[in-house]
Amino acid sequence: MYRIFIVEDDPVIAQGVAEQLRLWGLEAKCGENFRNVLEEFAAFDPHLVILDITLPFFNGYHWCSQIRQVSKVPILFLSSASDNMNMVMAMNMGADDFIPKPFDKSLLIAKIQAMLRRTYDFAAGVPVLSHRGAWLNTGDQTLTYEGQGIPLTKNEYRILLALMESKGKVVSRERLMERLWETDSFVDENTLTVNVNRLRKKLEGAGLSGFITTKFGVGYLVE
């Protein structure tokens, strides 16, 4: 089931759109924390985002830009600020489409279905894993923190992916070595330790101190 994240501060419009989406078999969630839309976005991991322009604290352009730094998920603007300047601005910020308010619900559903088909029928979705403000994009295997990219080797990416997939749980050293062997890299105990230490230094250098915790004799975790 496709997940649609609705960022709209008018509860009547937001709930109306959500109900319409559910009628078509889509899972819908309305944003609640307008101070930190990105946090809700990461937790819900949607396949498509519907954004209003005028929002409390930060406008839709800000959140569109923030989402675009970590994800290629389709973004559809839904706004009464539908003059040409705002439409062009939305597209330049990374939006995929724009529907002016007031809108026809049938047109909205048709646009959403078309965007989902184009994005996911021909290309796999690109999940993004997040922790403490760091974003791991599994599509291009990049790590981003506070808008800055942190370069990762193939082994470092695999280690971080395994840990973030099991956030809050200890991943054994044996399991990490198995994940690295999947990439045809021979890794022994010493090599794993070297890779983890190198990854830690990169994270600390980017401001992510203590991101990976060691459970001696067991393995590693992020929590």
Protein backbone atom coordinates (compact mmCIF):
# COMPACT_ATOMS: atom_id res chain seq x y z
CA MET A 1 0.00 0.00 0.00
CA TYR A 2 1.39 3.39 -0.99
CA ARG A 3 1.86 5.89 1.85
CA ILE A 4 0.95 9.55 1.31
CA PHE A 5 2.15 12.25 3.72
CA ILE A 6 -0.07 15.36 3.82
CA VAL A 7 1.51 18.59 5.11
CA GLU A 8 -1.48 20.95 5.36
CA ASP A 9 -2.33 23.13 8.37
CA ASP A 10 -6.05 23.42 7.59
CA PRO A 11 -7.44 20.32 9.39
CA VAL A 12 -10.62 20.26 7.27
CA ILE A 13 -8.65 20.14 4.01
CA ALA A 14 -6.03 17.74 5.41
CA GLN A 15 -8.60 15.25 6.73
CA GLY A 16 -10.70 15.58 3.58
CA VAL A 17 -7.73 14.70 1.38
CA ALA A 18 -6.75 11.84 3.69
CA GLU A 19 -10.26 10.35 3.59
CA GLN A 20 -10.33 10.58 -0.20
CA LEU A 21 -6.96 8.85 -0.47
CA ARG A 22 -8.10 6.04 1.82
CA LEU A 23 -11.15 5.47 -0.37
CA TRP A 24 -8.71 4.67 -3.18
CA GLY A 25 -6.74 2.19 -1.09
CA LEU A 26 -3.90 4.53 -0.15
CA GLU A 27 -2.47 4.99 3.34
CA ALA A 28 -2.57 8.63 4.40
CA LYS A 29 -1.03 10.53 7.30
CA CYS A 30 -1.53 14.21 8.11
CA GLY A 31 1.44 16.12 9.47
CA GLU A 32 1.08 17.37 13.03
CA ASN A 33 4.46 18.81 14.01
CA PHE A 34 4.93 21.82 11.75
CA ARG A 35 8.14 22.75 13.57
CA ASN A 36 9.81 19.57 12.37
CA VAL A 37 8.10 18.16 9.30
CA LEU A 38 11.27 16.31 8.34
CA GLU A 39 11.15 14.18 11.48
CA GLU A 40 7.58 13.06 10.72
CA PHE A 41 8.53 12.49 7.09
CA ALA A 42 11.34 10.15 8.12
CA ALA A 43 9.19 8.24 10.59
CA PHE A 44 6.36 7.67 8.09
CA ASP A 45 8.67 7.03 5.09
CA PRO A 46 6.02 8.04 2.50
CA HIS A 47 5.91 7.25 -1.22
CA LEU A 48 4.54 10.74 -2.00
CA VAL A 49 4.24 14.07 -0.18
CA ILE A 50 1.46 16.65 -0.53
CA LEU A 51 2.64 20.11 0.58
CA ASP A 52 0.89 23.41 1.17
CA ILE A 53 2.96 26.57 0.71
CA THR A 54 1.64 28.59 3.67
CA LEU A 55 2.42 26.70 6.87
CA PRO A 56 3.21 27.62 10.50
CA PHE A 57 6.89 28.27 11.38
CA PHE A 58 8.38 27.39 7.96
CA ASN A 59 6.71 27.48 4.55
CA GLY A 60 6.31 24.60 2.11
CA TYR A 61 9.30 25.70 0.04
CA HIS A 62 11.55 25.23 3.07
CA TRP A 63 10.28 21.70 3.68
CA CYS A 64 10.41 20.82 0.00
CA SER A 65 14.07 21.82 -0.03
CA GLN A 66 14.76 19.86 3.17
CA ILE A 67 13.09 16.72 1.82
CA ARG A 68 14.95 17.03 -1.48
CA GLN A 69 18.27 16.93 0.37
CA VAL A 70 17.53 13.41 1.59
CA SER A 71 14.95 11.90 -0.76
CA LYS A 72 13.69 11.77 -4.34
CA VAL A 73 10.12 11.02 -3.24
CA PRO A 74 7.49 12.75 -5.47
CA ILE A 75 6.25 16.07 -4.04
CA LEU A 76 2.92 17.61 -5.02
CA PHE A 77 2.12 21.18 -3.98
CA LEU A 78 -1.51 21.91 -3.12
CA SER A 79 -1.95 25.64 -2.51
CA SER A 80 -4.14 28.70 -3.02
CA ALA A 81 -0.96 30.67 -3.78
CA SER A 82 -1.24 29.51 -7.36
CA ASP A 83 0.13 32.44 -9.35
CA ASN A 84 2.83 31.72 -11.91
CA MET A 85 5.63 32.91 -9.63
CA ASN A 86 4.71 30.44 -6.88
CA MET A 87 4.25 27.60 -9.35
CA VAL A 88 7.67 28.25 -10.89
CA MET A 89 9.22 28.58 -7.42
CA ALA A 90 7.72 25.24 -6.36
CA MET A 91 9.14 23.46 -9.40
CA ASN A 92 12.55 25.08 -8.93
CA MET A 93 12.61 23.88 -5.32
CA GLY A 94 12.11 20.28 -6.46
CA ALA A 95 8.35 19.79 -6.65
CA ASP A 96 6.96 17.37 -9.24
CA ASP A 97 3.52 18.96 -9.70
CA PHE A 98 1.26 21.76 -8.48
CA ILE A 99 -2.53 21.82 -8.01
CA PRO A 100 -4.20 25.15 -7.12
CA LYS A 101 -6.87 25.48 -4.44
CA PRO A 102 -9.82 25.13 -4.63
CA PHE A 103 -9.23 21.77 -6.29
CA ASP A 104 -11.21 18.91 -7.73
CA LYS A 105 -10.74 15.73 -5.69
CA SER A 106 -10.91 13.54 -8.80
CA LEU A 107 -8.10 15.54 -10.42
CA LEU A 108 -6.02 15.25 -7.25
CA ILE A 109 -6.43 11.47 -7.12
CA ALA A 110 -5.67 11.15 -10.85
CA LYS A 111 -2.47 13.20 -10.48
CA ILE A 112 -1.35 11.19 -7.45
CA GLN A 113 -1.99 7.86 -9.16
CA ALA A 114 -0.08 9.01 -12.25
CA MET A 115 2.88 10.15 -10.14
CA LEU A 116 2.95 6.87 -8.23
CA ARG A 117 2.84 4.86 -11.45
CA ARG A 118 5.65 6.87 -13.03
CA THR A 119 7.82 6.66 -9.94
CA TYR A 120 7.28 3.14 -8.66
CA ASP A 121 6.12 1.07 -11.61
CA PHE A 122 9.36 1.75 -13.45
CA ALA A 123 11.80 2.31 -10.61
CA ALA A 124 12.07 0.97 -7.11
CA GLY A 125 11.39 3.40 -4.32
CA VAL A 126 14.43 4.79 -2.59
CA PRO A 127 14.04 4.31 1.15
CA VAL A 128 15.82 6.69 3.46
CA LEU A 129 16.95 5.71 6.96
CA SER A 130 17.42 8.41 9.58
CA HIS A 131 18.91 8.67 13.06
CA ARG A 132 19.86 11.77 15.11
CA GLY A 133 19.46 13.97 12.06
CA ALA A 134 21.67 11.81 9.83
CA TRP A 135 20.07 10.51 6.65
CA LEU A 136 21.23 7.36 4.84
CA ASN A 137 19.89 7.20 1.28
CA THR A 138 19.90 3.58 0.11
CA GLY A 139 19.40 4.61 -3.51
CA ASP A 140 22.72 6.38 -4.06
CA GLN A 141 24.32 5.08 -0.83
CA THR A 142 25.01 8.54 0.54
CA LEU A 143 24.98 9.84 4.12
CA THR A 144 23.85 13.40 4.82
CA TYR A 145 23.98 15.37 8.06
CA GLU A 146 22.96 19.02 8.42
CA GLY A 147 23.00 19.38 4.65
CA GLN A 148 26.55 18.07 4.27
CA GLY A 149 27.45 14.82 2.52
CA ILE A 150 29.68 12.36 4.39
CA PRO A 151 31.62 10.11 1.96
CA LEU A 152 31.42 6.39 2.72
CA THR A 153 33.35 3.44 1.36
CA LYS A 154 31.38 0.39 0.26
CA ASN A 155 32.16 -1.40 3.52
CA GLU A 156 31.33 1.62 5.67
CA TYR A 157 27.99 2.00 3.93
CA ARG A 158 27.14 -1.68 4.49
CA ILE A 159 28.03 -1.46 8.17
CA LEU A 160 25.97 1.68 8.69
CA LEU A 161 23.04 0.27 6.73
CA ALA A 162 22.95 -2.87 8.87
CA LEU A 163 23.08 -0.83 12.08
CA MET A 164 20.43 1.70 11.03
CA GLU A 165 18.11 -1.04 9.78
CA SER A 166 18.22 -2.49 13.30
CA LYS A 167 18.19 0.84 15.16
CA GLY A 168 18.05 0.26 18.91
CA LYS A 169 19.14 -3.37 18.62
CA VAL A 170 22.62 -4.85 18.86
CA VAL A 171 23.99 -6.20 15.57
CA SER A 172 26.54 -8.92 16.15
CA ARG A 173 30.01 -8.75 14.66
CA GLU A 174 29.25 -12.03 12.88
CA ARG A 175 26.18 -10.51 11.21
CA LEU A 176 28.14 -7.46 10.11
CA MET A 177 30.82 -9.65 8.57
CA GLU A 178 28.13 -11.61 6.73
CA ARG A 179 26.75 -8.35 5.31
CA LEU A 180 30.20 -7.36 4.09
CA TRP A 181 30.81 -10.80 2.56
CA GLU A 182 27.67 -10.24 0.47
CA THR A 183 29.65 -7.61 -1.43
CA ASP A 184 32.42 -10.11 -2.21
CA SER A 185 34.74 -8.47 0.32
CA PHE A 186 36.64 -10.87 2.53
CA VAL A 187 36.45 -9.45 6.04
CA ASP A 188 37.94 -10.91 9.19
CA GLU A 189 37.59 -9.70 12.80
CA ASN A 190 40.47 -7.24 12.54
CA THR A 191 39.27 -5.80 9.24
CA LEU A 192 35.79 -5.25 10.66
CA THR A 193 37.24 -3.40 13.65
CA VAL A 194 39.31 -1.17 11.36
CA ASN A 195 36.24 -0.37 9.21
CA VAL A 196 34.06 0.44 12.23
CA ASN A 197 36.74 2.67 13.77
CA ARG A 198 37.26 4.50 10.48
CA LEU A 199 33.50 5.00 10.14
CA ARG A 200 33.30 6.34 13.70
CA LYS A 201 36.01 8.91 12.99
CA LYS A 202 34.15 10.12 9.90
CA LEU A 203 30.92 10.46 11.86
CA GLU A 204 32.63 12.25 14.74
CA GLY A 205 34.36 14.59 12.30
CA ALA A 206 30.93 15.53 10.91
CA GLY A 207 29.55 16.23 14.40
CA LEU A 208 27.97 12.82 15.04
CA SER A 209 29.86 11.89 18.18
CA GLY A 210 28.85 8.61 19.84
CA PHE A 211 26.65 7.63 16.89
CA ILE A 212 27.77 3.97 17.07
CA THR A 213 27.84 2.23 20.46
CA THR A 214 29.98 -0.83 21.17
CA LYS A 215 28.56 -3.69 23.21
CA PHE A 216 31.78 -5.47 24.14
CA GLY A 217 31.80 -9.13 23.27
CA VAL A 218 28.50 -8.79 21.41
CA GLY A 219 28.49 -6.21 18.61
CA TYR A 220 27.43 -2.65 17.78
CA LEU A 221 24.27 -0.56 17.70
CA VAL A 222 22.87 2.90 17.05
CA GLU A 223 20.33 4.07 19.61
